[in-house]
Amino acid sequence: MRDAAWILEWGLLVWLLILAGVVTLRVLSGSIHNVGLISHTDASGRRRIRPERLLLLASSLGYAVYYVATALQTPLDMADPSLPEIPNEVVTAILGTNGAYLSLKLLQTSGRT
């Protein structure tokens, strides 16, 4: 059974790396549009990087990488095969970054920023 877990672990890792490579290549080639992902067009028509969007993107990717790394390092318990729990600190940080994004977005749409 240990061999099956090892094969599954490496298969998942290879699949995620291939998926990340395909997405990266498509973003670089322009077939996946990423305009406006971290920037915003202001009233003068200029594109500016929005810190709340950058924070949300960076933290989401960081937490996803952290969770996948944690899940891959957690030993498999055959009696209870489940994914590891998400730490309360990570949930609090995700809620904080989402709250910051939504608050600044609300201010932006009301015309204050």
PDB file of N, CA and C in Angstrom:
ATOM      1  N   MET A   1       0.819  -1.195   0.000  1.00  0.00           N
ATOM      2  CA  MET A   1       0.000   0.000   0.000  1.00  0.00           C
ATOM      3  C   MET A   1       0.863   1.260   0.000  1.00  0.00           C
ATOM      4  N   ARG A   2       2.037   1.156   0.553  1.00  0.00           N
ATOM      5  CA  ARG A   2       2.952   2.307   0.591  1.00  0.00           C
ATOM      6  C   ARG A   2       3.355   2.715  -0.824  1.00  0.00           C
ATOM      7  N   ASP A   3       3.529   1.759  -1.718  1.00  0.00           N
ATOM      8  CA  ASP A   3       3.902   2.064  -3.099  1.00  0.00           C
ATOM      9  C   ASP A   3       2.792   2.812  -3.818  1.00  0.00           C
ATOM     10  N   ALA A   4       1.551   2.449  -3.557  1.00  0.00           N
ATOM     11  CA  ALA A   4       0.422   3.143  -4.180  1.00  0.00           C
ATOM     12  C   ALA A   4       0.355   4.595  -3.718  1.00  0.00           C
ATOM     13  N   ALA A   5       0.605   4.840  -2.440  1.00  0.00           N
ATOM     14  CA  ALA A   5       0.600   6.208  -1.923  1.00  0.00           C
ATOM     15  C   ALA A   5       1.736   7.017  -2.543  1.00  0.00           C
ATOM     16  N   TRP A   6       2.905   6.399  -2.690  1.00  0.00           N
ATOM     17  CA  TRP A   6       4.044   7.092  -3.296  1.00  0.00           C
ATOM     18  C   TRP A   6       3.754   7.438  -4.752  1.00  0.00           C
ATOM     19  N   ILE A   7       3.171   6.490  -5.489  1.00  0.00           N
ATOM     20  CA  ILE A   7       2.835   6.729  -6.896  1.00  0.00           C
ATOM     21  C   ILE A   7       1.788   7.843  -7.006  1.00  0.00           C
ATOM     22  N   LEU A   8       0.799   7.811  -6.137  1.00  0.00           N
ATOM     23  CA  LEU A   8      -0.236   8.837  -6.143  1.00  0.00           C
ATOM     24  C   LEU A   8       0.340  10.211  -5.811  1.00  0.00           C
ATOM     25  N   GLU A   9       1.222  10.252  -4.819  1.00  0.00           N
ATOM     26  CA  GLU A   9       1.844  11.519  -4.432  1.00  0.00           C
ATOM     27  C   GLU A   9       2.637  12.124  -5.583  1.00  0.00           C
ATOM     28  N   TRP A  10       3.475  11.325  -6.206  1.00  0.00           N
ATOM     29  CA  TRP A  10       4.292  11.839  -7.310  1.00  0.00           C
ATOM     30  C   TRP A  10       3.460  12.121  -8.550  1.00  0.00           C
ATOM     31  N   GLY A  11       2.433  11.313  -8.785  1.00  0.00           N
ATOM     32  CA  GLY A  11       1.542  11.579  -9.911  1.00  0.00           C
ATOM     33  C   GLY A  11       0.814  12.899  -9.754  1.00  0.00           C
ATOM     34  N   LEU A  12       0.348  13.169  -8.528  1.00  0.00           N
ATOM     35  CA  LEU A  12      -0.316  14.441  -8.255  1.00  0.00           C
ATOM     36  C   LEU A  12       0.647  15.610  -8.416  1.00  0.00           C
ATOM     37  N   LEU A  13       1.850  15.459  -7.919  1.00  0.00           N
ATOM     38  CA  LEU A  13       2.845  16.521  -8.038  1.00  0.00           C
ATOM     39  C   LEU A  13       3.186  16.802  -9.502  1.00  0.00           C
ATOM     40  N   VAL A  14       3.383  15.763 -10.288  1.00  0.00           N
ATOM     41  CA  VAL A  14       3.686  15.942 -11.719  1.00  0.00           C
ATOM     42  C   VAL A  14       2.503  16.590 -12.431  1.00  0.00           C
ATOM     43  N   TRP A  15       1.279  16.134 -12.116  1.00  0.00           N
ATOM     44  CA  TRP A  15       0.079  16.709 -12.737  1.00  0.00           C
ATOM     45  C   TRP A  15      -0.050  18.195 -12.413  1.00  0.00           C
ATOM     46  N   LEU A  16       0.188  18.578 -11.158  1.00  0.00           N
ATOM     47  CA  LEU A  16       0.098  19.989 -10.784  1.00  0.00           C
ATOM     48  C   LEU A  16       1.176  20.821 -11.470  1.00  0.00           C
ATOM     49  N   LEU A  17       2.368  20.272 -11.598  1.00  0.00           N
ATOM     50  CA  LEU A  17       3.438  20.997 -12.289  1.00  0.00           C
ATOM     51  C   LEU A  17       3.124  21.171 -13.773  1.00  0.00           C
ATOM     52  N   ILE A  18       2.582  20.144 -14.406  1.00  0.00           N
ATOM     53  CA  ILE A  18       2.198  20.257 -15.819  1.00  0.00           C
ATOM     54  C   ILE A  18       1.079  21.286 -15.972  1.00  0.00           C
ATOM     55  N   LEU A  19       0.089  21.235 -15.078  1.00  0.00           N
ATOM     56  CA  LEU A  19      -1.010  22.198 -15.116  1.00  0.00           C
ATOM     57  C   LEU A  19      -0.495  23.627 -14.937  1.00  0.00           C
ATOM     58  N   ALA A  20       0.403  23.838 -13.992  1.00  0.00           N
ATOM     59  CA  ALA A  20       0.977  25.170 -13.776  1.00  0.00           C
ATOM     60  C   ALA A  20       1.750  25.620 -15.011  1.00  0.00           C
ATOM     61  N   GLY A  21       2.482  24.716 -15.645  1.00  0.00           N
ATOM     62  CA  GLY A  21       3.226  25.057 -16.860  1.00  0.00           C
ATOM     63  C   GLY A  21       2.306  25.441 -18.008  1.00  0.00           C
ATOM     64  N   VAL A  22       1.215  24.687 -18.190  1.00  0.00           N
ATOM     65  CA  VAL A  22       0.274  24.991 -19.272  1.00  0.00           C
ATOM     66  C   VAL A  22      -0.385  26.353 -19.036  1.00  0.00           C
ATOM     67  N   VAL A  23      -0.807  26.607 -17.804  1.00  0.00           N
ATOM     68  CA  VAL A  23      -1.434  27.901 -17.501  1.00  0.00           C
ATOM     69  C   VAL A  23      -0.438  29.031 -17.710  1.00  0.00           C
ATOM     70  N   THR A  24       0.785  28.851 -17.258  1.00  0.00           N
ATOM     71  CA  THR A  24       1.812  29.885 -17.434  1.00  0.00           C
ATOM     72  C   THR A  24       2.071  30.156 -18.910  1.00  0.00           C
ATOM     73  N   LEU A  25       2.211  29.106 -19.701  1.00  0.00           N
ATOM     74  CA  LEU A  25       2.450  29.296 -21.136  1.00  0.00           C
ATOM     75  C   LEU A  25       1.270  29.991 -21.820  1.00  0.00           C
ATOM     76  N   ARG A  26       0.049  29.644 -21.443  1.00  0.00           N
ATOM     77  CA  ARG A  26      -1.123  30.271 -22.060  1.00  0.00           C
ATOM     78  C   ARG A  26      -1.264  31.726 -21.634  1.00  0.00           C
ATOM     79  N   VAL A  27      -0.892  32.055 -20.404  1.00  0.00           N
ATOM     80  CA  VAL A  27      -0.915  33.451 -19.979  1.00  0.00           C
ATOM     81  C   VAL A  27       0.133  34.239 -20.756  1.00  0.00           C
ATOM     82  N   LEU A  28       1.326  33.674 -20.888  1.00  0.00           N
ATOM     83  CA  LEU A  28       2.396  34.366 -21.617  1.00  0.00           C
ATOM     84  C   LEU A  28       2.088  34.502 -23.107  1.00  0.00           C
ATOM     85  N   SER A  29       1.393  33.529 -23.687  1.00  0.00           N
ATOM     86  CA  SER A  29       1.063  33.614 -25.107  1.00  0.00           C
ATOM     87  C   SER A  29      -0.148  34.511 -25.369  1.00  0.00           C
ATOM     88  N   GLY A  30      -0.904  34.829 -24.337  1.00  0.00           N
ATOM     89  CA  GLY A  30      -2.045  35.725 -24.497  1.00  0.00           C
ATOM     90  C   GLY A  30      -3.373  35.021 -24.700  1.00  0.00           C
ATOM     91  N   SER A  31      -3.395  33.695 -24.700  1.00  0.00           N
ATOM     92  CA  SER A  31      -4.665  33.007 -24.888  1.00  0.00           C
ATOM     93  C   SER A  31      -5.501  32.983 -23.606  1.00  0.00           C
ATOM     94  N   ILE A  32      -4.888  33.219 -22.456  1.00  0.00           N
ATOM     95  CA  ILE A  32      -5.617  33.464 -21.212  1.00  0.00           C
ATOM     96  C   ILE A  32      -5.426  34.940 -20.897  1.00  0.00           C
ATOM     97  N   HIS A  33      -6.513  35.669 -20.870  1.00  0.00           N
ATOM     98  CA  HIS A  33      -6.439  37.117 -20.639  1.00  0.00           C
ATOM     99  C   HIS A  33      -6.320  37.400 -19.153  1.00  0.00           C
ATOM    100  N   ASN A  34      -5.333  38.190 -18.795  1.00  0.00           N
ATOM    101  CA  ASN A  34      -5.124  38.533 -17.397  1.00  0.00           C
ATOM    102  C   ASN A  34      -5.137  40.041 -17.181  1.00  0.00           C
ATOM    103  N   VAL A  35      -5.697  40.772 -18.125  1.00  0.00           N
ATOM    104  CA  VAL A  35      -5.788  42.217 -17.983  1.00  0.00           C
ATOM    105  C   VAL A  35      -6.767  42.519 -16.849  1.00  0.00           C
ATOM    106  N   GLY A  36      -6.355  43.349 -15.932  1.00  0.00           N
ATOM    107  CA  GLY A  36      -7.214  43.718 -14.822  1.00  0.00           C
ATOM    108  C   GLY A  36      -7.129  42.779 -13.636  1.00  0.00           C
ATOM    109  N   LEU A  37      -6.228  41.805 -13.691  1.00  0.00           N
ATOM    110  CA  LEU A  37      -6.108  40.876 -12.579  1.00  0.00           C
ATOM    111  C   LEU A  37      -5.609  41.587 -11.322  1.00  0.00           C
ATOM    112  N   ILE A  38      -4.600  42.416 -11.477  1.00  0.00           N
ATOM    113  CA  ILE A  38      -4.100  43.172 -10.326  1.00  0.00           C
ATOM    114  C   ILE A  38      -4.118  44.678 -10.569  1.00  0.00           C
ATOM    115  N   SER A  39      -4.646  45.107 -11.703  1.00  0.00           N
ATOM    116  CA  SER A  39      -4.661  46.540 -11.989  1.00  0.00           C
ATOM    117  C   SER A  39      -6.086  47.031 -12.193  1.00  0.00           C
ATOM    118  N   HIS A  40      -6.211  48.347 -12.229  1.00  0.00           N
ATOM    119  CA  HIS A  40      -7.514  48.990 -12.351  1.00  0.00           C
ATOM    120  C   HIS A  40      -7.338  50.244 -13.207  1.00  0.00           C
ATOM    121  N   THR A  41      -8.300  50.501 -14.056  1.00  0.00           N
ATOM    122  CA  THR A  41      -8.259  51.728 -14.852  1.00  0.00           C
ATOM    123  C   THR A  41      -8.911  52.843 -14.042  1.00  0.00           C
ATOM    124  N   ASP A  42      -8.136  53.903 -13.780  1.00  0.00           N
ATOM    125  CA  ASP A  42      -8.695  54.996 -12.985  1.00  0.00           C
ATOM    126  C   ASP A  42      -9.479  55.962 -13.870  1.00  0.00           C
ATOM    127  N   ALA A  43      -9.943  57.067 -13.290  1.00  0.00           N
ATOM    128  CA  ALA A  43     -10.789  58.025 -14.008  1.00  0.00           C
ATOM    129  C   ALA A  43     -10.063  58.668 -15.185  1.00  0.00           C
ATOM    130  N   SER A  44      -8.742  58.779 -15.111  1.00  0.00           N
ATOM    131  CA  SER A  44      -7.983  59.389 -16.200  1.00  0.00           C
ATOM    132  C   SER A  44      -7.644  58.397 -17.314  1.00  0.00           C
ATOM    133  N   GLY A  45      -8.039  57.126 -17.147  1.00  0.00           N
ATOM    134  CA  GLY A  45      -7.789  56.124 -18.181  1.00  0.00           C
ATOM    135  C   GLY A  45      -6.466  55.408 -18.041  1.00  0.00           C
ATOM    136  N   ARG A  46      -5.721  55.683 -16.978  1.00  0.00           N
ATOM    137  CA  ARG A  46      -4.425  55.024 -16.752  1.00  0.00           C
ATOM    138  C   ARG A  46      -4.618  53.777 -15.902  1.00  0.00           C
ATOM    139  N   ARG A  47      -3.844  52.755 -16.215  1.00  0.00           N
ATOM    140  CA  ARG A  47      -3.894  51.520 -15.428  1.00  0.00           C
ATOM    141  C   ARG A  47      -2.962  51.657 -14.241  1.00  0.00           C
ATOM    142  N   ARG A  48      -3.492  51.333 -13.072  1.00  0.00           N
ATOM    143  CA  ARG A  48      -2.700  51.366 -11.849  1.00  0.00           C
ATOM    144  C   ARG A  48      -2.843  50.052 -11.116  1.00  0.00           C
ATOM    145  N   ILE A  49      -1.738  49.611 -10.521  1.00  0.00           N
ATOM    146  CA  ILE A  49      -1.778  48.387  -9.726  1.00  0.00           C
ATOM    147  C   ILE A  49      -2.523  48.689  -8.437  1.00  0.00           C
ATOM    148  N   ARG A  50      -3.489  47.836  -8.131  1.00  0.00           N
ATOM    149  CA  ARG A  50      -4.270  47.985  -6.905  1.00  0.00           C
ATOM    150  C   ARG A  50      -3.673  47.070  -5.838  1.00  0.00           C
ATOM    151  N   PRO A  51      -3.237  47.643  -4.702  1.00  0.00           N
ATOM    152  CA  PRO A  51      -2.584  46.822  -3.677  1.00  0.00           C
ATOM    153  C   PRO A  51      -3.498  45.735  -3.099  1.00  0.00           C
ATOM    154  N   GLU A  52      -4.799  46.014  -2.996  1.00  0.00           N
ATOM    155  CA  GLU A  52      -5.700  45.003  -2.435  1.00  0.00           C
ATOM    156  C   GLU A  52      -5.825  43.794  -3.358  1.00  0.00           C
ATOM    157  N   ARG A  53      -5.783  44.013  -4.664  1.00  0.00           N
ATOM    158  CA  ARG A  53      -5.836  42.891  -5.603  1.00  0.00           C
ATOM    159  C   ARG A  53      -4.543  42.094  -5.562  1.00  0.00           C
ATOM    160  N   LEU A  54      -3.423  42.787  -5.490  1.00  0.00           N
ATOM    161  CA  LEU A  54      -2.131  42.116  -5.396  1.00  0.00           C
ATOM    162  C   LEU A  54      -2.038  41.300  -4.108  1.00  0.00           C
ATOM    163  N   LEU A  55      -2.501  41.869  -2.997  1.00  0.00           N
ATOM    164  CA  LEU A  55      -2.498  41.159  -1.719  1.00  0.00           C
ATOM    165  C   LEU A  55      -3.373  39.916  -1.774  1.00  0.00           C
ATOM    166  N   LEU A  56      -4.559  40.037  -2.347  1.00  0.00           N
ATOM    167  CA  LEU A  56      -5.473  38.900  -2.431  1.00  0.00           C
ATOM    168  C   LEU A  56      -4.893  37.787  -3.305  1.00  0.00           C
ATOM    169  N   LEU A  57      -4.324  38.145  -4.448  1.00  0.00           N
ATOM    170  CA  LEU A  57      -3.738  37.142  -5.340  1.00  0.00           C
ATOM    171  C   LEU A  57      -2.545  36.456  -4.687  1.00  0.00           C
ATOM    172  N   ALA A  58      -1.629  37.241  -4.121  1.00  0.00           N
ATOM    173  CA  ALA A  58      -0.421  36.665  -3.525  1.00  0.00           C
ATOM    174  C   ALA A  58      -0.760  35.789  -2.324  1.00  0.00           C
ATOM    175  N   SER A  59      -1.671  36.242  -1.485  1.00  0.00           N
ATOM    176  CA  SER A  59      -2.004  35.442  -0.306  1.00  0.00           C
ATOM    177  C   SER A  59      -2.749  34.169  -0.697  1.00  0.00           C
ATOM    178  N   SER A  60      -3.643  34.244  -1.665  1.00  0.00           N
ATOM    179  CA  SER A  60      -4.372  33.045  -2.092  1.00  0.00           C
ATOM    180  C   SER A  60      -3.411  31.997  -2.658  1.00  0.00           C
ATOM    181  N   LEU A  61      -2.496  32.429  -3.508  1.00  0.00           N
ATOM    182  CA  LEU A  61      -1.522  31.491  -4.065  1.00  0.00           C
ATOM    183  C   LEU A  61      -0.597  30.936  -2.978  1.00  0.00           C
ATOM    184  N   GLY A  62      -0.196  31.801  -2.057  1.00  0.00           N
ATOM    185  CA  GLY A  62       0.678  31.362  -0.964  1.00  0.00           C
ATOM    186  C   GLY A  62       0.010  30.335  -0.067  1.00  0.00           C
ATOM    187  N   TYR A  63      -1.241  30.588   0.299  1.00  0.00           N
ATOM    188  CA  TYR A  63      -1.950  29.643   1.154  1.00  0.00           C
ATOM    189  C   TYR A  63      -2.224  28.337   0.427  1.00  0.00           C
ATOM    190  N   ALA A  64      -2.496  28.399  -0.855  1.00  0.00           N
ATOM    191  CA  ALA A  64      -2.721  27.174  -1.621  1.00  0.00           C
ATOM    192  C   ALA A  64      -1.454  26.324  -1.675  1.00  0.00           C
ATOM    193  N   VAL A  65      -0.323  26.956  -1.920  1.00  0.00           N
ATOM    194  CA  VAL A  65       0.950  26.230  -1.943  1.00  0.00           C
ATOM    195  C   VAL A  65       1.244  25.644  -0.565  1.00  0.00           C
ATOM    196  N   TYR A  66       1.000  26.417   0.488  1.00  0.00           N
ATOM    197  CA  TYR A  66       1.221  25.945   1.858  1.00  0.00           C
ATOM    198  C   TYR A  66       0.360  24.717   2.151  1.00  0.00           C
ATOM    199  N   TYR A  67      -0.914  24.767   1.769  1.00  0.00           N
ATOM    200  CA  TYR A  67      -1.813  23.656   2.069  1.00  0.00           C
ATOM    201  C   TYR A  67      -1.441  22.402   1.280  1.00  0.00           C
ATOM    202  N   VAL A  68      -1.099  22.561   0.015  1.00  0.00           N
ATOM    203  CA  VAL A  68      -0.696  21.398  -0.783  1.00  0.00           C
ATOM    204  C   VAL A  68       0.583  20.788  -0.216  1.00  0.00           C
ATOM    205  N   ALA A  69       1.541  21.628   0.176  1.00  0.00           N
ATOM    206  CA  ALA A  69       2.776  21.110   0.770  1.00  0.00           C
ATOM    207  C   ALA A  69       2.486  20.388   2.078  1.00  0.00           C
ATOM    208  N   THR A  70       1.593  20.936   2.886  1.00  0.00           N
ATOM    209  CA  THR A  70       1.220  20.289   4.142  1.00  0.00           C
ATOM    210  C   THR A  70       0.524  18.960   3.885  1.00  0.00           C
ATOM    211  N   ALA A  71      -0.381  18.944   2.912  1.00  0.00           N
ATOM    212  CA  ALA A  71      -1.106  17.709   2.600  1.00  0.00           C
ATOM    213  C   ALA A  71      -0.167  16.627   2.083  1.00  0.00           C
ATOM    214  N   LEU A  72       0.837  17.005   1.311  1.00  0.00           N
ATOM    215  CA  LEU A  72       1.772  16.012   0.780  1.00  0.00           C
ATOM    216  C   LEU A  72       2.721  15.480   1.847  1.00  0.00           C
ATOM    217  N   GLN A  73       2.975  16.259   2.896  1.00  0.00           N
ATOM    218  CA  GLN A  73       3.901  15.826   3.944  1.00  0.00           C
ATOM    219  C   GLN A  73       3.201  15.096   5.089  1.00  0.00           C
ATOM    220  N   THR A  74       1.878  15.180   5.142  1.00  0.00           N
ATOM    221  CA  THR A  74       1.136  14.515   6.206  1.00  0.00           C
ATOM    222  C   THR A  74       1.089  13.019   5.915  1.00  0.00           C
ATOM    223  N   PRO A  75       1.472  12.190   6.894  1.00  0.00           N
ATOM    224  CA  PRO A  75       1.423  10.746   6.659  1.00  0.00           C
ATOM    225  C   PRO A  75      -0.018  10.269   6.473  1.00  0.00           C
ATOM    226  N   LEU A  76      -0.195   9.307   5.607  1.00  0.00           N
ATOM    227  CA  LEU A  76      -1.514   8.772   5.309  1.00  0.00           C
ATOM    228  C   LEU A  76      -1.935   7.807   6.405  1.00  0.00           C
ATOM    229  N   ASP A  77      -3.075   8.061   7.011  1.00  0.00           N
ATOM    230  CA  ASP A  77      -3.638   7.193   8.029  1.00  0.00           C
ATOM    231  C   ASP A  77      -4.703   6.337   7.371  1.00  0.00           C
ATOM    232  N   MET A  78      -4.480   5.048   7.293  1.00  0.00           N
ATOM    233  CA  MET A  78      -5.410   4.168   6.595  1.00  0.00           C
ATOM    234  C   MET A  78      -6.748   4.045   7.324  1.00  0.00           C
ATOM    235  N   ALA A  79      -6.775   4.271   8.642  1.00  0.00           N
ATOM    236  CA  ALA A  79      -8.025   4.202   9.392  1.00  0.00           C
ATOM    237  C   ALA A  79      -8.908   5.406   9.108  1.00  0.00           C
ATOM    238  N   ASP A  80      -8.292   6.562   8.853  1.00  0.00           N
ATOM    239  CA  ASP A  80      -9.045   7.793   8.576  1.00  0.00           C
ATOM    240  C   ASP A  80      -8.350   8.562   7.457  1.00  0.00           C
ATOM    241  N   PRO A  81      -8.514   8.125   6.196  1.00  0.00           N
ATOM    242  CA  PRO A  81      -7.839   8.815   5.083  1.00  0.00           C
ATOM    243  C   PRO A  81      -8.553  10.123   4.736  1.00  0.00           C
ATOM    244  N   SER A  82      -8.065  11.219   5.285  1.00  0.00           N
ATOM    245  CA  SER A  82      -8.690  12.512   5.020  1.00  0.00           C
ATOM    246  C   SER A  82      -7.604  13.567   4.849  1.00  0.00           C
ATOM    247  N   LEU A  83      -8.011  14.681   4.287  1.00  0.00           N
ATOM    248  CA  LEU A  83      -7.079  15.796   4.118  1.00  0.00           C
ATOM    249  C   LEU A  83      -6.795  16.438   5.472  1.00  0.00           C
ATOM    250  N   PRO A  84      -5.627  17.064   5.627  1.00  0.00           N
ATOM    251  CA  PRO A  84      -5.325  17.700   6.910  1.00  0.00           C
ATOM    252  C   PRO A  84      -6.228  18.910   7.158  1.00  0.00           C
ATOM    253  N   GLU A  85      -6.432  19.205   8.428  1.00  0.00           N
ATOM    254  CA  GLU A  85      -7.231  20.363   8.816  1.00  0.00           C
ATOM    255  C   GLU A  85      -6.510  21.650   8.421  1.00  0.00           C
ATOM    256  N   ILE A  86      -7.286  22.671   8.097  1.00  0.00           N
ATOM    257  CA  ILE A  86      -6.714  23.985   7.809  1.00  0.00           C
ATOM    258  C   ILE A  86      -6.519  24.699   9.137  1.00  0.00           C
ATOM    259  N   PRO A  87      -5.304  25.176   9.438  1.00  0.00           N
ATOM    260  CA  PRO A  87      -5.070  25.849  10.717  1.00  0.00           C
ATOM    261  C   PRO A  87      -5.928  27.116  10.851  1.00  0.00           C
ATOM    262  N   ASN A  88      -6.322  27.426  12.079  1.00  0.00           N
ATOM    263  CA  ASN A  88      -7.142  28.608  12.334  1.00  0.00           C
ATOM    264  C   ASN A  88      -6.444  29.894  11.902  1.00  0.00           C
ATOM    265  N   GLU A  89      -5.122  29.925  11.996  1.00  0.00           N
ATOM    266  CA  GLU A  89      -4.380  31.118  11.599  1.00  0.00           C
ATOM    267  C   GLU A  89      -4.522  31.373  10.103  1.00  0.00           C
ATOM    268  N   VAL A  90      -4.528  30.301   9.314  1.00  0.00           N
ATOM    269  CA  VAL A  90      -4.670  30.442   7.866  1.00  0.00           C
ATOM    270  C   VAL A  90      -6.076  30.923   7.516  1.00  0.00           C
ATOM    271  N   VAL A  91      -7.087  30.365   8.186  1.00  0.00           N
ATOM    272  CA  VAL A  91      -8.464  30.812   7.943  1.00  0.00           C
ATOM    273  C   VAL A  91      -8.611  32.286   8.300  1.00  0.00           C
ATOM    274  N   THR A  92      -8.033  32.698   9.428  1.00  0.00           N
ATOM    275  CA  THR A  92      -8.090  34.103   9.835  1.00  0.00           C
ATOM    276  C   THR A  92      -7.386  34.997   8.822  1.00  0.00           C
ATOM    277  N   ALA A  93      -6.239  34.571   8.330  1.00  0.00           N
ATOM    278  CA  ALA A  93      -5.507  35.372   7.345  1.00  0.00           C
ATOM    279  C   ALA A  93      -6.278  35.473   6.033  1.00  0.00           C
ATOM    280  N   ILE A  94      -6.894  34.375   5.593  1.00  0.00           N
ATOM    281  CA  ILE A  94      -7.687  34.410   4.361  1.00  0.00           C
ATOM    282  C   ILE A  94      -8.873  35.353   4.526  1.00  0.00           C
ATOM    283  N   LEU A  95      -9.561  35.263   5.664  1.00  0.00           N
ATOM    284  CA  LEU A  95     -10.687  36.159   5.920  1.00  0.00           C
ATOM    285  C   LEU A  95     -10.225  37.612   5.977  1.00  0.00           C
ATOM    286  N   GLY A  96      -9.046  37.849   6.551  1.00  0.00           N
ATOM    287  CA  GLY A  96      -8.518  39.209   6.619  1.00  0.00           C
ATOM    288  C   GLY A  96      -8.200  39.792   5.252  1.00  0.00           C
ATOM    289  N   THR A  97      -7.557  39.006   4.391  1.00  0.00           N
ATOM    290  CA  THR A  97      -7.228  39.525   3.067  1.00  0.00           C
ATOM    291  C   THR A  97      -8.483  39.710   2.214  1.00  0.00           C
ATOM    292  N   ASN A  98      -9.446  38.792   2.343  1.00  0.00           N
ATOM    293  CA  ASN A  98     -10.708  38.970   1.621  1.00  0.00           C
ATOM    294  C   ASN A  98     -11.476  40.179   2.143  1.00  0.00           C
ATOM    295  N   GLY A  99     -11.450  40.388   3.450  1.00  0.00           N
ATOM    296  CA  GLY A  99     -12.106  41.556   4.033  1.00  0.00           C
ATOM    297  C   GLY A  99     -11.470  42.861   3.576  1.00  0.00           C
ATOM    298  N   ALA A 100     -10.136  42.882   3.521  1.00  0.00           N
ATOM    299  CA  ALA A 100      -9.442  44.084   3.042  1.00  0.00           C
ATOM    300  C   ALA A 100      -9.797  44.362   1.588  1.00  0.00           C
ATOM    301  N   TYR A 101      -9.819  43.303   0.768  1.00  0.00           N
ATOM    302  CA  TYR A 101     -10.167  43.480  -0.637  1.00  0.00           C
ATOM    303  C   TYR A 101     -11.587  44.023  -0.789  1.00  0.00           C
ATOM    304  N   LEU A 102     -12.528  43.409  -0.099  1.00  0.00           N
ATOM    305  CA  LEU A 102     -13.926  43.838  -0.228  1.00  0.00           C
ATOM    306  C   LEU A 102     -14.142  45.244   0.316  1.00  0.00           C
ATOM    307  N   SER A 103     -13.470  45.596   1.406  1.00  0.00           N
ATOM    308  CA  SER A 103     -13.609  46.949   1.962  1.00  0.00           C
ATOM    309  C   SER A 103     -13.078  47.996   0.997  1.00  0.00           C
ATOM    310  N   LEU A 104     -11.899  47.757   0.441  1.00  0.00           N
ATOM    311  CA  LEU A 104     -11.336  48.718  -0.500  1.00  0.00           C
ATOM    312  C   LEU A 104     -12.134  48.753  -1.799  1.00  0.00           C
ATOM    313  N   LYS A 105     -12.681  47.628  -2.210  1.00  0.00           N
ATOM    314  CA  LYS A 105     -13.529  47.597  -3.406  1.00  0.00           C
ATOM    315  C   LYS A 105     -14.801  48.405  -3.167  1.00  0.00           C
ATOM    316  N   LEU A 106     -15.377  48.299  -1.973  1.00  0.00           N
ATOM    317  CA  LEU A 106     -16.564  49.071  -1.631  1.00  0.00           C
ATOM    318  C   LEU A 106     -16.269  50.566  -1.643  1.00  0.00           C
ATOM    319  N   LEU A 107     -15.119  50.949  -1.081  1.00  0.00           N
ATOM    320  CA  LEU A 107     -14.723  52.354  -1.111  1.00  0.00           C
ATOM    321  C   LEU A 107     -14.499  52.841  -2.540  1.00  0.00           C
ATOM    322  N   GLN A 108     -13.909  51.977  -3.362  1.00  0.00           N
ATOM    323  CA  GLN A 108     -13.637  52.350  -4.751  1.00  0.00           C
ATOM    324  C   GLN A 108     -14.942  52.557  -5.529  1.00  0.00           C
ATOM    325  N   THR A 109     -15.891  51.669  -5.354  1.00  0.00           N
ATOM    326  CA  THR A 109     -17.139  51.789  -6.114  1.00  0.00           C
ATOM    327  C   THR A 109     -18.015  52.928  -5.608  1.00  0.00           C
ATOM    328  N   SER A 110     -17.822  53.334  -4.359  1.00  0.00           N
ATOM    329  CA  SER A 110     -18.597  54.473  -3.870  1.00  0.00           C
ATOM    330  C   SER A 110     -17.952  55.806  -4.248  1.00  0.00           C
ATOM    331  N   GLY A 111     -16.794  55.757  -4.913  1.00  0.00           N
ATOM    332  CA  GLY A 111     -16.155  56.969  -5.426  1.00  0.00           C
ATOM    333  C   GLY A 111     -15.236  57.658  -4.458  1.00  0.00           C
ATOM    334  N   ARG A 112     -14.834  56.976  -3.398  1.00  0.00           N
ATOM    335  CA  ARG A 112     -13.977  57.618  -2.393  1.00  0.00           C
ATOM    336  C   ARG A 112     -12.496  57.443  -2.674  1.00  0.00           C
ATOM    337  N   THR A 113     -12.116  56.465  -3.515  1.00  0.00           N
ATOM    338  CA  THR A 113     -10.676  56.299  -3.793  1.00  0.00           C
ATOM    339  C   THR A 113     -10.433  56.441  -5.272  1.00  0.00           C
TER     340      THR A 113
END
